[in-house]
């Protein structure tokens, strides 16, 4: 296949120019938004700790989970 383009350099140049022009025209037809609608990742965790207060649950479970999940988003 390389020999085909080596033997026909004008055809190779015309093809390359057409590809560049097509790419340039395609750029202008792409939809672009300044602020695209992206939903941030959501994680829902339910913890059950019988007999513990809300403060104990937050200190022993919630904060540990939040610290370990900081790299997921």
PDB file of N, CA and C in Angstrom:
ATOM      1  N   UNK A   1       0.822  -1.183   0.000  1.00  0.00           N
ATOM      2  CA  UNK A   1       0.000   0.000   0.000  1.00  0.00           C
ATOM      3  C   UNK A   1       0.875   1.261   0.000  1.00  0.00           C
ATOM      4  N   UNK A   2       1.995   1.205   0.678  1.00  0.00           N
ATOM      5  CA  UNK A   2       2.892   2.360   0.683  1.00  0.00           C
ATOM      6  C   UNK A   2       3.412   2.641  -0.722  1.00  0.00           C
ATOM      7  N   UNK A   3       3.682   1.598  -1.478  1.00  0.00           N
ATOM      8  CA  UNK A   3       4.175   1.785  -2.847  1.00  0.00           C
ATOM      9  C   UNK A   3       3.157   2.519  -3.717  1.00  0.00           C
ATOM     10  N   UNK A   4       1.881   2.285  -3.467  1.00  0.00           N
ATOM     11  CA  UNK A   4       0.828   2.960  -4.229  1.00  0.00           C
ATOM     12  C   UNK A   4       0.961   4.473  -4.081  1.00  0.00           C
ATOM     13  N   UNK A   5       1.157   4.947  -2.846  1.00  0.00           N
ATOM     14  CA  UNK A   5       1.267   6.382  -2.613  1.00  0.00           C
ATOM     15  C   UNK A   5       2.643   6.920  -2.988  1.00  0.00           C
ATOM     16  N   UNK A   6       3.658   6.086  -2.904  1.00  0.00           N
ATOM     17  CA  UNK A   6       4.995   6.518  -3.333  1.00  0.00           C
ATOM     18  C   UNK A   6       5.009   6.731  -4.845  1.00  0.00           C
ATOM     19  N   UNK A   7       4.331   5.841  -5.572  1.00  0.00           N
ATOM     20  CA  UNK A   7       4.272   5.962  -7.031  1.00  0.00           C
ATOM     21  C   UNK A   7       3.355   7.098  -7.485  1.00  0.00           C
ATOM     22  N   UNK A   8       2.436   7.537  -6.645  1.00  0.00           N
ATOM     23  CA  UNK A   8       1.468   8.581  -7.004  1.00  0.00           C
ATOM     24  C   UNK A   8       1.487   9.696  -5.949  1.00  0.00           C
ATOM     25  N   UNK A   9       2.527  10.506  -5.922  1.00  0.00           N
ATOM     26  CA  UNK A   9       2.628  11.536  -4.877  1.00  0.00           C
ATOM     27  C   UNK A   9       1.558  12.626  -4.992  1.00  0.00           C
ATOM     28  N   UNK A  10       1.129  12.937  -6.195  1.00  0.00           N
ATOM     29  CA  UNK A  10       0.094  13.967  -6.350  1.00  0.00           C
ATOM     30  C   UNK A  10      -1.221  13.479  -5.751  1.00  0.00           C
ATOM     31  N   UNK A  11      -1.536  12.222  -6.006  1.00  0.00           N
ATOM     32  CA  UNK A  11      -2.748  11.645  -5.421  1.00  0.00           C
ATOM     33  C   UNK A  11      -2.661  11.657  -3.890  1.00  0.00           C
ATOM     34  N   UNK A  12      -1.494  11.346  -3.351  1.00  0.00           N
ATOM     35  CA  UNK A  12      -1.310  11.348  -1.900  1.00  0.00           C
ATOM     36  C   UNK A  12      -1.508  12.750  -1.324  1.00  0.00           C
ATOM     37  N   UNK A  13      -0.967  13.774  -2.004  1.00  0.00           N
ATOM     38  CA  UNK A  13      -1.136  15.153  -1.539  1.00  0.00           C
ATOM     39  C   UNK A  13      -2.602  15.584  -1.604  1.00  0.00           C
ATOM     40  N   UNK A  14      -3.270  15.252  -2.697  1.00  0.00           N
ATOM     41  CA  UNK A  14      -4.683  15.622  -2.833  1.00  0.00           C
ATOM     42  C   UNK A  14      -5.508  14.945  -1.747  1.00  0.00           C
ATOM     43  N   UNK A  15      -5.241  13.689  -1.496  1.00  0.00           N
ATOM     44  CA  UNK A  15      -5.965  12.961  -0.453  1.00  0.00           C
ATOM     45  C   UNK A  15      -5.700  13.575   0.922  1.00  0.00           C
ATOM     46  N   UNK A  16      -4.459  13.926   1.207  1.00  0.00           N
ATOM     47  CA  UNK A  16      -4.121  14.536   2.492  1.00  0.00           C
ATOM     48  C   UNK A  16      -4.808  15.888   2.658  1.00  0.00           C
ATOM     49  N   UNK A  17      -4.838  16.688   1.597  1.00  0.00           N
ATOM     50  CA  UNK A  17      -5.492  17.997   1.665  1.00  0.00           C
ATOM     51  C   UNK A  17      -6.994  17.834   1.862  1.00  0.00           C
ATOM     52  N   UNK A  18      -7.599  16.879   1.164  1.00  0.00           N
ATOM     53  CA  UNK A  18      -9.033  16.635   1.341  1.00  0.00           C
ATOM     54  C   UNK A  18      -9.352  16.189   2.762  1.00  0.00           C
ATOM     55  N   UNK A  19      -8.512  15.344   3.323  1.00  0.00           N
ATOM     56  CA  UNK A  19      -8.727  14.908   4.704  1.00  0.00           C
ATOM     57  C   UNK A  19      -8.616  16.079   5.678  1.00  0.00           C
ATOM     58  N   UNK A  20      -7.654  16.955   5.458  1.00  0.00           N
ATOM     59  CA  UNK A  20      -7.502  18.131   6.323  1.00  0.00           C
ATOM     60  C   UNK A  20      -8.700  19.063   6.199  1.00  0.00           C
ATOM     61  N   UNK A  21      -9.171  19.286   4.975  1.00  0.00           N
ATOM     62  CA  UNK A  21     -10.334  20.151   4.776  1.00  0.00           C
ATOM     63  C   UNK A  21     -11.587  19.551   5.405  1.00  0.00           C
ATOM     64  N   UNK A  22     -11.755  18.253   5.254  1.00  0.00           N
ATOM     65  CA  UNK A  22     -12.908  17.586   5.855  1.00  0.00           C
ATOM     66  C   UNK A  22     -12.857  17.694   7.374  1.00  0.00           C
ATOM     67  N   UNK A  23     -11.685  17.514   7.946  1.00  0.00           N
ATOM     68  CA  UNK A  23     -11.536  17.656   9.394  1.00  0.00           C
ATOM     69  C   UNK A  23     -11.816  19.067   9.866  1.00  0.00           C
ATOM     70  N   UNK A  24     -11.354  20.048   9.103  1.00  0.00           N
ATOM     71  CA  UNK A  24     -11.601  21.447   9.461  1.00  0.00           C
ATOM     72  C   UNK A  24     -13.088  21.770   9.406  1.00  0.00           C
ATOM     73  N   UNK A  25     -13.773  21.288   8.382  1.00  0.00           N
ATOM     74  CA  UNK A  25     -15.214  21.517   8.286  1.00  0.00           C
ATOM     75  C   UNK A  25     -15.967  20.788   9.390  1.00  0.00           C
ATOM     76  N   UNK A  26     -15.494  19.618   9.773  1.00  0.00           N
ATOM     77  CA  UNK A  26     -16.160  18.853  10.826  1.00  0.00           C
ATOM     78  C   UNK A  26     -16.036  19.548  12.179  1.00  0.00           C
ATOM     79  N   UNK A  27     -14.928  20.235  12.406  1.00  0.00           N
ATOM     80  CA  UNK A  27     -14.745  20.933  13.683  1.00  0.00           C
ATOM     81  C   UNK A  27     -15.835  21.980  13.880  1.00  0.00           C
ATOM     82  N   UNK A  28     -16.184  22.685  12.816  1.00  0.00           N
ATOM     83  CA  UNK A  28     -17.180  23.744  12.937  1.00  0.00           C
ATOM     84  C   UNK A  28     -18.600  23.206  13.088  1.00  0.00           C
ATOM     85  N   UNK A  29     -18.836  21.960  12.737  1.00  0.00           N
ATOM     86  CA  UNK A  29     -20.182  21.413  12.863  1.00  0.00           C
ATOM     87  C   UNK A  29     -20.389  20.647  14.166  1.00  0.00           C
ATOM     88  N   UNK A  30     -19.348  20.516  14.984  1.00  0.00           N
ATOM     89  CA  UNK A  30     -19.493  19.822  16.259  1.00  0.00           C
ATOM     90  C   UNK A  30     -20.221  20.708  17.265  1.00  0.00           C
ATOM     91  N   UNK A  31     -21.129  20.123  18.043  1.00  0.00           N
ATOM     92  CA  UNK A  31     -21.802  20.933  19.061  1.00  0.00           C
ATOM     93  C   UNK A  31     -20.852  21.200  20.228  1.00  0.00           C
ATOM     94  N   UNK A  32     -20.774  22.458  20.623  1.00  0.00           N
ATOM     95  CA  UNK A  32     -19.898  22.849  21.726  1.00  0.00           C
ATOM     96  C   UNK A  32     -20.710  23.686  22.701  1.00  0.00           C
ATOM     97  N   UNK A  33     -20.622  23.341  23.975  1.00  0.00           N
ATOM     98  CA  UNK A  33     -21.303  24.103  25.004  1.00  0.00           C
ATOM     99  C   UNK A  33     -20.270  24.654  25.975  1.00  0.00           C
ATOM    100  N   UNK A  34     -20.534  25.843  26.451  1.00  0.00           N
ATOM    101  CA  UNK A  34     -19.612  26.433  27.407  1.00  0.00           C
ATOM    102  C   UNK A  34     -19.670  25.671  28.726  1.00  0.00           C
ATOM    103  N   UNK A  35     -20.858  25.317  29.147  1.00  0.00           N
ATOM    104  CA  UNK A  35     -21.036  24.555  30.377  1.00  0.00           C
ATOM    105  C   UNK A  35     -21.871  23.314  30.061  1.00  0.00           C
ATOM    106  N   UNK A  36     -21.237  22.221  29.690  1.00  0.00           N
ATOM    107  CA  UNK A  36     -22.005  21.015  29.354  1.00  0.00           C
ATOM    108  C   UNK A  36     -22.692  20.442  30.593  1.00  0.00           C
ATOM    109  N   UNK A  37     -23.784  19.743  30.363  1.00  0.00           N
ATOM    110  CA  UNK A  37     -24.527  19.130  31.456  1.00  0.00           C
ATOM    111  C   UNK A  37     -23.845  17.832  31.863  1.00  0.00           C
ATOM    112  N   UNK A  38     -23.059  17.918  32.893  1.00  0.00           N
ATOM    113  CA  UNK A  38     -22.380  16.744  33.419  1.00  0.00           C
ATOM    114  C   UNK A  38     -22.869  16.507  34.836  1.00  0.00           C
ATOM    115  N   UNK A  39     -23.313  15.312  35.080  1.00  0.00           N
ATOM    116  CA  UNK A  39     -23.768  14.974  36.422  1.00  0.00           C
ATOM    117  C   UNK A  39     -22.573  14.506  37.249  1.00  0.00           C
ATOM    118  N   UNK A  40     -22.360  15.109  38.401  1.00  0.00           N
ATOM    119  CA  UNK A  40     -21.250  14.649  39.238  1.00  0.00           C
ATOM    120  C   UNK A  40     -21.546  13.251  39.760  1.00  0.00           C
ATOM    121  N   UNK A  41     -20.513  12.471  39.995  1.00  0.00           N
ATOM    122  CA  UNK A  41     -20.750  11.112  40.487  1.00  0.00           C
ATOM    123  C   UNK A  41     -21.370  11.140  41.883  1.00  0.00           C
ATOM    124  N   UNK A  42     -22.356  10.311  42.074  1.00  0.00           N
ATOM    125  CA  UNK A  42     -23.033  10.213  43.369  1.00  0.00           C
ATOM    126  C   UNK A  42     -22.847   8.821  43.930  1.00  0.00           C
ATOM    127  N   UNK A  43     -22.608   8.758  45.215  1.00  0.00           N
ATOM    128  CA  UNK A  43     -22.486   7.478  45.910  1.00  0.00           C
ATOM    129  C   UNK A  43     -23.377   7.548  47.134  1.00  0.00           C
ATOM    130  N   UNK A  44     -24.175   6.529  47.327  1.00  0.00           N
ATOM    131  CA  UNK A  44     -25.046   6.486  48.497  1.00  0.00           C
ATOM    132  C   UNK A  44     -24.641   5.293  49.344  1.00  0.00           C
ATOM    133  N   UNK A  45     -24.337   5.570  50.590  1.00  0.00           N
ATOM    134  CA  UNK A  45     -23.922   4.530  51.529  1.00  0.00           C
ATOM    135  C   UNK A  45     -24.872   4.566  52.711  1.00  0.00           C
ATOM    136  N   UNK A  46     -25.380   3.411  53.082  1.00  0.00           N
ATOM    137  CA  UNK A  46     -26.238   3.299  54.255  1.00  0.00           C
ATOM    138  C   UNK A  46     -25.501   2.490  55.303  1.00  0.00           C
ATOM    139  N   UNK A  47     -25.378   3.057  56.495  1.00  0.00           N
ATOM    140  CA  UNK A  47     -24.666   2.374  57.579  1.00  0.00           C
ATOM    141  C   UNK A  47     -25.620   2.151  58.741  1.00  0.00           C
ATOM    142  N   UNK A  48     -25.573   0.973  59.289  1.00  0.00           N
ATOM    143  CA  UNK A  48     -26.405   0.620  60.427  1.00  0.00           C
ATOM    144  C   UNK A  48     -25.481   0.234  61.573  1.00  0.00           C
ATOM    145  N   UNK A  49     -25.549   0.978  62.648  1.00  0.00           N
ATOM    146  CA  UNK A  49     -24.677   0.730  63.799  1.00  0.00           C
ATOM    147  C   UNK A  49     -25.576   0.741  65.035  1.00  0.00           C
ATOM    148  N   UNK A  50     -26.164  -0.397  65.395  1.00  0.00           N
ATOM    149  CA  UNK A  50     -27.132  -0.443  66.506  1.00  0.00           C
ATOM    150  C   UNK A  50     -26.506   0.026  67.824  1.00  0.00           C
ATOM    151  N   UNK A  51     -27.222   0.880  68.513  1.00  0.00           N
ATOM    152  CA  UNK A  51     -26.796   1.349  69.822  1.00  0.00           C
ATOM    153  C   UNK A  51     -25.838   2.521  69.794  1.00  0.00           C
ATOM    154  N   UNK A  52     -25.428   2.976  68.619  1.00  0.00           N
ATOM    155  CA  UNK A  52     -24.474   4.084  68.535  1.00  0.00           C
ATOM    156  C   UNK A  52     -25.216   5.386  68.269  1.00  0.00           C
ATOM    157  N   UNK A  53     -24.666   6.466  68.781  1.00  0.00           N
ATOM    158  CA  UNK A  53     -25.262   7.778  68.533  1.00  0.00           C
ATOM    159  C   UNK A  53     -24.868   8.251  67.135  1.00  0.00           C
ATOM    160  N   UNK A  54     -25.509   9.314  66.703  1.00  0.00           N
ATOM    161  CA  UNK A  54     -25.205   9.856  65.379  1.00  0.00           C
ATOM    162  C   UNK A  54     -23.764  10.347  65.312  1.00  0.00           C
ATOM    163  N   UNK A  55     -23.272  10.945  66.389  1.00  0.00           N
ATOM    164  CA  UNK A  55     -21.896  11.437  66.415  1.00  0.00           C
ATOM    165  C   UNK A  55     -20.900  10.282  66.335  1.00  0.00           C
ATOM    166  N   UNK A  56     -21.164   9.194  67.043  1.00  0.00           N
ATOM    167  CA  UNK A  56     -20.280   8.027  66.992  1.00  0.00           C
ATOM    168  C   UNK A  56     -20.282   7.411  65.605  1.00  0.00           C
ATOM    169  N   UNK A  57     -21.453   7.320  65.006  1.00  0.00           N
ATOM    170  CA  UNK A  57     -21.557   6.771  63.654  1.00  0.00           C
ATOM    171  C   UNK A  57     -20.780   7.630  62.668  1.00  0.00           C
ATOM    172  N   UNK A  58     -20.878   8.944  62.808  1.00  0.00           N
ATOM    173  CA  UNK A  58     -20.144   9.818  61.897  1.00  0.00           C
ATOM    174  C   UNK A  58     -18.641   9.668  62.085  1.00  0.00           C
ATOM    175  N   UNK A  59     -18.182   9.596  63.306  1.00  0.00           N
ATOM    176  CA  UNK A  59     -16.740   9.510  63.566  1.00  0.00           C
ATOM    177  C   UNK A  59     -16.144   8.167  63.170  1.00  0.00           C
ATOM    178  N   UNK A  60     -16.871   7.087  63.359  1.00  0.00           N
ATOM    179  CA  UNK A  60     -16.291   5.761  63.119  1.00  0.00           C
ATOM    180  C   UNK A  60     -16.582   5.197  61.735  1.00  0.00           C
ATOM    181  N   UNK A  61     -17.661   5.620  61.118  1.00  0.00           N
ATOM    182  CA  UNK A  61     -18.033   5.040  59.827  1.00  0.00           C
ATOM    183  C   UNK A  61     -17.990   6.077  58.709  1.00  0.00           C
ATOM    184  N   UNK A  62     -18.735   7.139  58.858  1.00  0.00           N
ATOM    185  CA  UNK A  62     -18.906   8.104  57.772  1.00  0.00           C
ATOM    186  C   UNK A  62     -17.598   8.756  57.362  1.00  0.00           C
ATOM    187  N   UNK A  63     -16.833   9.250  58.316  1.00  0.00           N
ATOM    188  CA  UNK A  63     -15.583   9.924  57.977  1.00  0.00           C
ATOM    189  C   UNK A  63     -14.581   8.966  57.351  1.00  0.00           C
ATOM    190  N   UNK A  64     -14.547   7.724  57.796  1.00  0.00           N
ATOM    191  CA  UNK A  64     -13.632   6.734  57.218  1.00  0.00           C
ATOM    192  C   UNK A  64     -14.003   6.451  55.771  1.00  0.00           C
ATOM    193  N   UNK A  65     -15.284   6.300  55.505  1.00  0.00           N
ATOM    194  CA  UNK A  65     -15.734   6.037  54.133  1.00  0.00           C
ATOM    195  C   UNK A  65     -15.426   7.237  53.243  1.00  0.00           C
ATOM    196  N   UNK A  66     -15.688   8.450  53.723  1.00  0.00           N
ATOM    197  CA  UNK A  66     -15.416   9.651  52.925  1.00  0.00           C
ATOM    198  C   UNK A  66     -13.933   9.781  52.606  1.00  0.00           C
ATOM    199  N   UNK A  67     -13.073   9.495  53.552  1.00  0.00           N
ATOM    200  CA  UNK A  67     -11.634   9.596  53.319  1.00  0.00           C
ATOM    201  C   UNK A  67     -11.161   8.577  52.295  1.00  0.00           C
ATOM    202  N   UNK A  68     -11.733   7.393  52.314  1.00  0.00           N
ATOM    203  CA  UNK A  68     -11.316   6.350  51.375  1.00  0.00           C
ATOM    204  C   UNK A  68     -11.910   6.536  49.985  1.00  0.00           C
ATOM    205  N   UNK A  69     -12.951   7.330  49.861  1.00  0.00           N
ATOM    206  CA  UNK A  69     -13.596   7.508  48.562  1.00  0.00           C
ATOM    207  C   UNK A  69     -13.203   8.809  47.880  1.00  0.00           C
ATOM    208  N   UNK A  70     -12.287   9.575  48.412  1.00  0.00           N
ATOM    209  CA  UNK A  70     -11.940  10.859  47.810  1.00  0.00           C
ATOM    210  C   UNK A  70     -11.329  10.697  46.427  1.00  0.00           C
ATOM    211  N   UNK A  71     -10.668   9.606  46.141  1.00  0.00           N
ATOM    212  CA  UNK A  71     -10.040   9.408  44.845  1.00  0.00           C
ATOM    213  C   UNK A  71     -10.954   8.835  43.786  1.00  0.00           C
ATOM    214  N   UNK A  72     -12.184   8.502  44.122  1.00  0.00           N
ATOM    215  CA  UNK A  72     -13.083   7.876  43.148  1.00  0.00           C
ATOM    216  C   UNK A  72     -13.688   8.873  42.177  1.00  0.00           C
ATOM    217  N   UNK A  73     -13.869  10.100  42.560  1.00  0.00           N
ATOM    218  CA  UNK A  73     -14.540  11.082  41.708  1.00  0.00           C
ATOM    219  C   UNK A  73     -13.604  11.648  40.732  1.00  0.00           C
TER     220      UNK A  73
END
